[in-house]
C-alpha cells in the first residue's frame, strides 16, 4: 500500500484559494448568496475535487447557491485551467458544508444543559 503524496493536498488548497478569489470578484450568478469555500478534497488521482461550500441563510437560499455553483461549474473549471499548472483540471462537485450550523447547535445544547445543572439558591 502506498501513501499518497502531498500533491492532492496542495492542489486542493490551490483550488480552494482560486475558487474563493473567483467568488470574491468573478462569479456574477445572482443565485450565489453569501458563501464561503470551507474545504476542497481532491482524490489521489487528481481527477475529482469535492468543493464544500458554507452558505448563510435559509435552506432555500442554500439550495439556490448550490445550484448557482453547479451552473457555473464550466466557467470555474475554465478559470482554474488558466490558474493551475496542471495537464487536467479535476472534475468539480459542489456540496453544502453544514458543519458551522452543526457546531452552533451543539454549542446551544451545551449551554442549555449547563443552565439546567446549576443549583438554585433556594
Protein backbone atom coordinates (compact mmCIF):
# COMPACT_ATOMS: atom_id res chain seq x y z
CA UNK A 1 0.00 0.00 0.00
CA UNK A 2 1.41 3.38 -0.98
CA UNK A 3 0.79 6.52 0.99
CA UNK A 4 -0.44 9.32 -1.27
CA UNK A 5 1.86 12.31 -1.54
CA UNK A 6 1.14 15.86 -0.61
CA UNK A 7 0.22 16.85 -4.15
CA UNK A 8 -3.55 16.26 -3.73
CA UNK A 9 -3.45 18.45 -0.61
CA UNK A 10 -1.56 21.21 -2.40
CA UNK A 11 -3.92 21.04 -5.39
CA UNK A 12 -6.94 21.13 -3.05
CA UNK A 13 -5.57 24.20 -1.26
CA UNK A 14 -4.88 25.98 -4.54
CA UNK A 15 -8.37 25.16 -5.87
CA UNK A 16 -9.92 26.49 -2.64
CA UNK A 17 -7.97 29.74 -2.91
CA UNK A 18 -8.73 30.19 -6.61
CA UNK A 19 -12.46 29.50 -6.27
CA UNK A 20 -12.59 31.86 -3.28
CA UNK A 21 -10.96 34.55 -5.41
CA UNK A 22 -13.48 33.92 -8.20
CA UNK A 23 -16.28 34.13 -5.66
CA UNK A 24 -14.98 37.49 -4.47
CA UNK A 25 -14.71 39.01 -7.91
CA UNK A 26 -15.74 36.90 -10.86
CA UNK A 27 -18.92 34.94 -10.23
CA UNK A 28 -21.95 37.06 -11.09
CA UNK A 29 -24.72 34.47 -10.71
CA UNK A 30 -27.49 36.12 -8.64
CA UNK A 31 -28.33 32.76 -7.03
CA UNK A 32 -24.96 32.65 -5.30
CA UNK A 33 -25.51 34.28 -1.94
CA UNK A 34 -23.11 34.86 0.92
CA UNK A 35 -20.96 31.76 0.52
CA UNK A 36 -17.56 30.61 1.72
CA UNK A 37 -15.45 27.79 0.32
CA UNK A 38 -14.62 25.90 3.50
CA UNK A 39 -12.76 22.91 2.16
CA UNK A 40 -11.73 21.11 -1.02
CA UNK A 41 -10.88 17.42 -1.12
CA UNK A 42 -9.10 16.03 -4.16
CA UNK A 43 -8.90 12.33 -4.97
CA UNK A 44 -5.38 10.83 -5.08
CA UNK A 45 -5.55 10.54 -8.89
CA UNK A 46 -6.43 14.28 -9.11
CA UNK A 47 -9.47 13.58 -11.29
CA UNK A 48 -12.19 14.67 -8.86
CA UNK A 49 -12.42 17.63 -6.47
CA UNK A 50 -15.16 17.90 -3.86
CA UNK A 51 -15.77 21.55 -3.03
CA UNK A 52 -17.54 22.21 0.28
CA UNK A 53 -19.49 25.46 0.47
CA UNK A 54 -20.86 27.11 3.61
CA UNK A 55 -23.82 29.41 2.98
CA UNK A 56 -25.56 31.78 5.37
CA UNK A 57 -29.31 31.82 5.10
CA UNK A 58 -32.35 29.61 4.97
CA UNK A 59 -32.50 26.18 3.33
CA UNK A 60 -33.99 27.65 0.13
CA UNK A 61 -31.11 30.17 -0.18
CA UNK A 62 -28.55 27.43 0.44
CA UNK A 63 -30.02 25.27 -2.33
CA UNK A 64 -30.15 28.22 -4.73
CA UNK A 65 -26.49 29.00 -4.03
CA UNK A 66 -25.54 25.37 -4.62
CA UNK A 67 -27.46 25.41 -7.92
CA UNK A 68 -25.62 28.60 -8.90
CA UNK A 69 -22.26 26.96 -8.24
CA UNK A 70 -23.27 23.88 -10.21
CA UNK A 71 -24.42 26.05 -13.12
CA UNK A 72 -21.10 27.94 -13.06
CA UNK A 73 -19.04 24.73 -12.93
CA UNK A 74 -17.85 25.06 -16.54
CA UNK A 75 -16.78 28.67 -16.04
CA UNK A 76 -14.99 27.79 -12.78
CA UNK A 77 -13.12 24.87 -14.37
CA UNK A 78 -12.09 27.07 -17.31
CA UNK A 79 -10.75 29.71 -14.92
CA UNK A 80 -8.95 27.06 -12.89
CA UNK A 81 -7.34 25.77 -16.08
CA UNK A 82 -5.79 29.22 -16.59
CA UNK A 83 -4.59 29.43 -12.98
CA UNK A 84 -3.41 25.89 -12.22
CA UNK A 85 -0.29 24.37 -13.71
CA UNK A 86 -1.90 21.00 -14.38
CA UNK A 87 -2.48 18.99 -17.51
CA UNK A 88 -6.08 18.25 -16.50
CA UNK A 89 -8.30 20.21 -14.11
CA UNK A 90 -10.25 17.95 -11.72
CA UNK A 91 -13.98 17.48 -12.23
CA UNK A 92 -15.76 19.63 -9.62
CA UNK A 93 -18.56 18.53 -7.29
CA UNK A 94 -20.14 21.15 -5.05
CA UNK A 95 -21.58 20.13 -1.69
CA UNK A 96 -23.10 22.08 1.20
CA UNK A 97 -20.92 22.23 4.29
CA UNK A 98 -23.20 22.42 7.29
CA UNK A 99 -20.57 21.92 9.98
CA UNK A 100 -20.92 25.55 11.15
CA UNK A 101 -24.65 25.10 11.79
CA UNK A 102 -24.00 21.73 13.42
CA UNK A 103 -21.35 23.24 15.71
CA UNK A 104 -23.66 26.12 16.64
CA UNK A 105 -26.43 23.67 17.54
CA UNK A 106 -24.05 21.62 19.71
CA UNK A 107 -22.94 24.82 21.49
CA UNK A 108 -26.56 25.79 22.08
CA UNK A 109 -27.37 22.38 23.54
CA UNK A 110 -24.31 22.51 25.80
CA UNK A 111 -25.29 25.96 27.08
CA UNK A 112 -28.81 24.73 27.78
CA UNK A 113 -27.56 21.66 29.65
CA UNK A 114 -25.16 23.77 31.75
CA UNK A 115 -28.01 26.09 32.66
CA UNK A 116 -30.13 23.16 33.93
CA UNK A 117 -27.27 21.72 36.01
CA UNK A 118 -26.69 24.89 38.11
CA UNK A 119 -28.14 24.54 41.63
CA UNK A 120 -30.73 27.08 42.68
CA UNK A 121 -30.29 29.40 45.71
CA UNK A 122 -33.48 28.23 47.48
